[in-house]
Amino acid sequence: MNYNFPTGSSLYKEFLIEREEILKLKWIESEKKGKDIGFEAALLNWVRNHRAEWKKHRDAYIFIDKDRI
């Protein structure tokens, strides 16, 4: 078994996917404000306003995708 922890773990892969969403939000909000809002502000915004709904849709998508295997 060629397992490269942590970069080979599913948990790490999920972290990277969620991080990409936070970075997208950071870019959008920075564009709106005309300045870089920073990662911490984007992270807080993401957790407070978007994560729960994103996670619900992501989990549903993963569940459906696994059924196709």
N, C-alpha and C. Protein backbone atom coordinates (compact mmCIF):
# COMPACT_ATOMS: atom_id res chain seq x y z
N MET A 1 0.85 -1.18 0.00
CA MET A 1 0.00 0.00 0.00
C MET A 1 0.89 1.24 0.00
N ASN A 2 0.74 2.06 -1.00
CA ASN A 2 1.52 3.29 -1.11
C ASN A 2 0.65 4.44 -0.60
N TYR A 3 0.74 4.71 0.69
CA TYR A 3 -0.11 5.71 1.32
C TYR A 3 0.74 6.86 1.83
N ASN A 4 0.50 8.04 1.30
CA ASN A 4 1.29 9.21 1.67
C ASN A 4 0.47 10.12 2.57
N PHE A 5 0.57 9.91 3.87
CA PHE A 5 -0.17 10.76 4.81
C PHE A 5 0.62 12.01 5.09
N PRO A 6 0.06 13.17 5.17
CA PRO A 6 -1.37 13.44 5.08
C PRO A 6 -1.86 13.75 3.68
N THR A 7 -0.95 13.98 2.73
CA THR A 7 -1.41 14.45 1.42
C THR A 7 -2.21 13.41 0.66
N GLY A 8 -2.10 12.15 1.01
CA GLY A 8 -2.86 11.11 0.33
C GLY A 8 -4.19 10.82 1.00
N SER A 9 -4.45 11.43 2.13
CA SER A 9 -5.68 11.12 2.87
C SER A 9 -6.89 11.82 2.27
N SER A 10 -8.04 11.21 2.43
CA SER A 10 -9.28 11.84 1.94
C SER A 10 -9.59 13.10 2.74
N LEU A 11 -9.23 13.11 4.01
CA LEU A 11 -9.45 14.29 4.84
C LEU A 11 -8.66 15.49 4.29
N TYR A 12 -7.42 15.26 3.92
CA TYR A 12 -6.58 16.32 3.37
C TYR A 12 -7.15 16.80 2.03
N LYS A 13 -7.62 15.88 1.22
CA LYS A 13 -8.21 16.25 -0.07
C LYS A 13 -9.45 17.12 0.13
N GLU A 14 -10.28 16.77 1.12
CA GLU A 14 -11.46 17.58 1.42
C GLU A 14 -11.05 18.96 1.91
N PHE A 15 -10.00 19.02 2.72
CA PHE A 15 -9.47 20.31 3.18
C PHE A 15 -9.07 21.18 1.99
N LEU A 16 -8.38 20.61 1.03
CA LEU A 16 -7.94 21.38 -0.14
C LEU A 16 -9.12 21.89 -0.96
N ILE A 17 -10.16 21.07 -1.09
CA ILE A 17 -11.35 21.49 -1.84
C ILE A 17 -12.03 22.66 -1.14
N GLU A 18 -12.17 22.55 0.18
CA GLU A 18 -12.81 23.63 0.94
C GLU A 18 -11.94 24.89 0.92
N ARG A 19 -10.64 24.73 1.00
CA ARG A 19 -9.72 25.87 0.94
C ARG A 19 -9.88 26.63 -0.37
N GLU A 20 -10.07 25.90 -1.46
CA GLU A 20 -10.29 26.54 -2.77
C GLU A 20 -11.55 27.39 -2.75
N GLU A 21 -12.60 26.92 -2.11
CA GLU A 21 -13.84 27.69 -2.01
C GLU A 21 -13.62 28.96 -1.20
N ILE A 22 -12.85 28.86 -0.14
CA ILE A 22 -12.54 30.03 0.69
C ILE A 22 -11.74 31.04 -0.12
N LEU A 23 -10.79 30.57 -0.90
CA LEU A 23 -9.99 31.47 -1.73
C LEU A 23 -10.83 32.14 -2.81
N LYS A 24 -11.81 31.42 -3.36
CA LYS A 24 -12.73 32.03 -4.33
C LYS A 24 -13.53 33.16 -3.67
N LEU A 25 -14.03 32.87 -2.47
CA LEU A 25 -14.78 33.89 -1.73
C LEU A 25 -13.89 35.08 -1.41
N LYS A 26 -12.66 34.83 -1.03
CA LYS A 26 -11.70 35.91 -0.74
C LYS A 26 -11.53 36.79 -1.97
N TRP A 27 -11.39 36.19 -3.13
CA TRP A 27 -11.22 36.97 -4.36
C TRP A 27 -12.47 37.80 -4.64
N ILE A 28 -13.64 37.18 -4.55
CA ILE A 28 -14.90 37.90 -4.84
C ILE A 28 -15.08 39.07 -3.88
N GLU A 29 -14.92 38.83 -2.59
CA GLU A 29 -15.12 39.89 -1.60
C GLU A 29 -14.04 40.97 -1.72
N SER A 30 -12.83 40.60 -2.05
CA SER A 30 -11.76 41.58 -2.25
C SER A 30 -12.06 42.47 -3.45
N GLU A 31 -12.58 41.87 -4.52
CA GLU A 31 -12.97 42.64 -5.70
C GLU A 31 -14.07 43.64 -5.35
N LYS A 32 -15.05 43.20 -4.57
CA LYS A 32 -16.15 44.09 -4.18
C LYS A 32 -15.64 45.28 -3.37
N LYS A 33 -14.70 45.03 -2.47
CA LYS A 33 -14.18 46.08 -1.59
C LYS A 33 -13.06 46.89 -2.22
N GLY A 34 -12.50 46.40 -3.32
CA GLY A 34 -11.41 47.10 -3.98
C GLY A 34 -10.08 46.96 -3.26
N LYS A 35 -9.99 46.00 -2.35
CA LYS A 35 -8.73 45.72 -1.66
C LYS A 35 -8.77 44.29 -1.13
N ASP A 36 -7.60 43.77 -0.84
CA ASP A 36 -7.48 42.41 -0.32
C ASP A 36 -8.06 42.34 1.09
N ILE A 37 -9.05 41.47 1.30
CA ILE A 37 -9.65 41.36 2.63
C ILE A 37 -8.87 40.43 3.54
N GLY A 38 -7.97 39.64 2.99
CA GLY A 38 -7.17 38.72 3.78
C GLY A 38 -7.85 37.38 3.96
N PHE A 39 -7.03 36.37 4.20
CA PHE A 39 -7.55 35.01 4.31
C PHE A 39 -8.42 34.85 5.56
N GLU A 40 -8.01 35.44 6.68
CA GLU A 40 -8.76 35.27 7.92
C GLU A 40 -10.19 35.81 7.80
N ALA A 41 -10.33 36.99 7.19
CA ALA A 41 -11.67 37.57 7.00
C ALA A 41 -12.50 36.70 6.07
N ALA A 42 -11.88 36.19 5.02
CA ALA A 42 -12.60 35.31 4.10
C ALA A 42 -13.00 34.02 4.79
N LEU A 43 -12.12 33.48 5.60
CA LEU A 43 -12.41 32.26 6.34
C LEU A 43 -13.60 32.45 7.29
N LEU A 44 -13.58 33.54 8.05
CA LEU A 44 -14.69 33.81 8.96
C LEU A 44 -16.00 34.01 8.20
N ASN A 45 -15.95 34.75 7.10
CA ASN A 45 -17.13 34.95 6.27
C ASN A 45 -17.64 33.60 5.76
N TRP A 46 -16.73 32.78 5.29
CA TRP A 46 -17.07 31.46 4.76
C TRP A 46 -17.76 30.59 5.82
N VAL A 47 -17.16 30.52 6.99
CA VAL A 47 -17.71 29.68 8.06
C VAL A 47 -19.06 30.19 8.52
N ARG A 48 -19.17 31.49 8.71
CA ARG A 48 -20.42 32.08 9.21
C ARG A 48 -21.56 32.06 8.20
N ASN A 49 -21.24 32.25 6.92
CA ASN A 49 -22.29 32.49 5.93
C ASN A 49 -22.47 31.45 4.83
N HIS A 50 -21.48 30.59 4.62
CA HIS A 50 -21.54 29.72 3.45
C HIS A 50 -21.25 28.26 3.71
N ARG A 51 -20.45 27.93 4.69
CA ARG A 51 -19.94 26.57 4.86
C ARG A 51 -21.04 25.54 5.05
N ALA A 52 -22.00 25.80 5.91
CA ALA A 52 -23.03 24.79 6.20
C ALA A 52 -23.79 24.39 4.94
N GLU A 53 -24.20 25.38 4.15
CA GLU A 53 -24.94 25.08 2.92
C GLU A 53 -24.05 24.38 1.90
N TRP A 54 -22.81 24.85 1.76
CA TRP A 54 -21.86 24.22 0.83
C TRP A 54 -21.63 22.76 1.23
N LYS A 55 -21.44 22.54 2.52
CA LYS A 55 -21.17 21.19 3.02
C LYS A 55 -22.37 20.27 2.76
N LYS A 56 -23.57 20.78 2.96
CA LYS A 56 -24.77 19.99 2.72
C LYS A 56 -24.84 19.57 1.25
N HIS A 57 -24.58 20.50 0.34
CA HIS A 57 -24.60 20.17 -1.09
C HIS A 57 -23.44 19.27 -1.47
N ARG A 58 -22.29 19.51 -0.90
CA ARG A 58 -21.11 18.69 -1.18
C ARG A 58 -21.33 17.25 -0.71
N ASP A 59 -21.86 17.09 0.49
CA ASP A 59 -22.13 15.75 1.02
C ASP A 59 -23.16 15.02 0.17
N ALA A 60 -24.19 15.72 -0.28
CA ALA A 60 -25.21 15.11 -1.14
C ALA A 60 -24.59 14.68 -2.47
N TYR A 61 -23.72 15.51 -3.03
CA TYR A 61 -23.06 15.19 -4.29
C TYR A 61 -22.17 13.97 -4.13
N ILE A 62 -21.41 13.92 -3.05
CA ILE A 62 -20.52 12.78 -2.81
C ILE A 62 -21.34 11.51 -2.63
N PHE A 63 -22.46 11.59 -1.92
CA PHE A 63 -23.33 10.43 -1.71
C PHE A 63 -23.86 9.91 -3.04
N ILE A 64 -24.33 10.82 -3.89
CA ILE A 64 -24.86 10.42 -5.21
C ILE A 64 -23.76 9.82 -6.05
N ASP A 65 -22.58 10.44 -6.06
CA ASP A 65 -21.46 9.98 -6.87
C ASP A 65 -21.03 8.58 -6.44
N LYS A 66 -21.00 8.29 -5.15
CA LYS A 66 -20.59 6.98 -4.66
C LYS A 66 -21.60 5.91 -5.07
N ASP A 67 -22.87 6.27 -5.22
CA ASP A 67 -23.89 5.32 -5.65
C ASP A 67 -23.69 4.87 -7.09
N ARG A 68 -23.00 5.66 -7.86
CA ARG A 68 -22.78 5.33 -9.27
C ARG A 68 -21.67 4.31 -9.47
N ILE A 69 -20.87 4.11 -8.45
CA ILE A 69 -19.73 3.18 -8.56
C ILE A 69 -20.20 1.75 -8.57
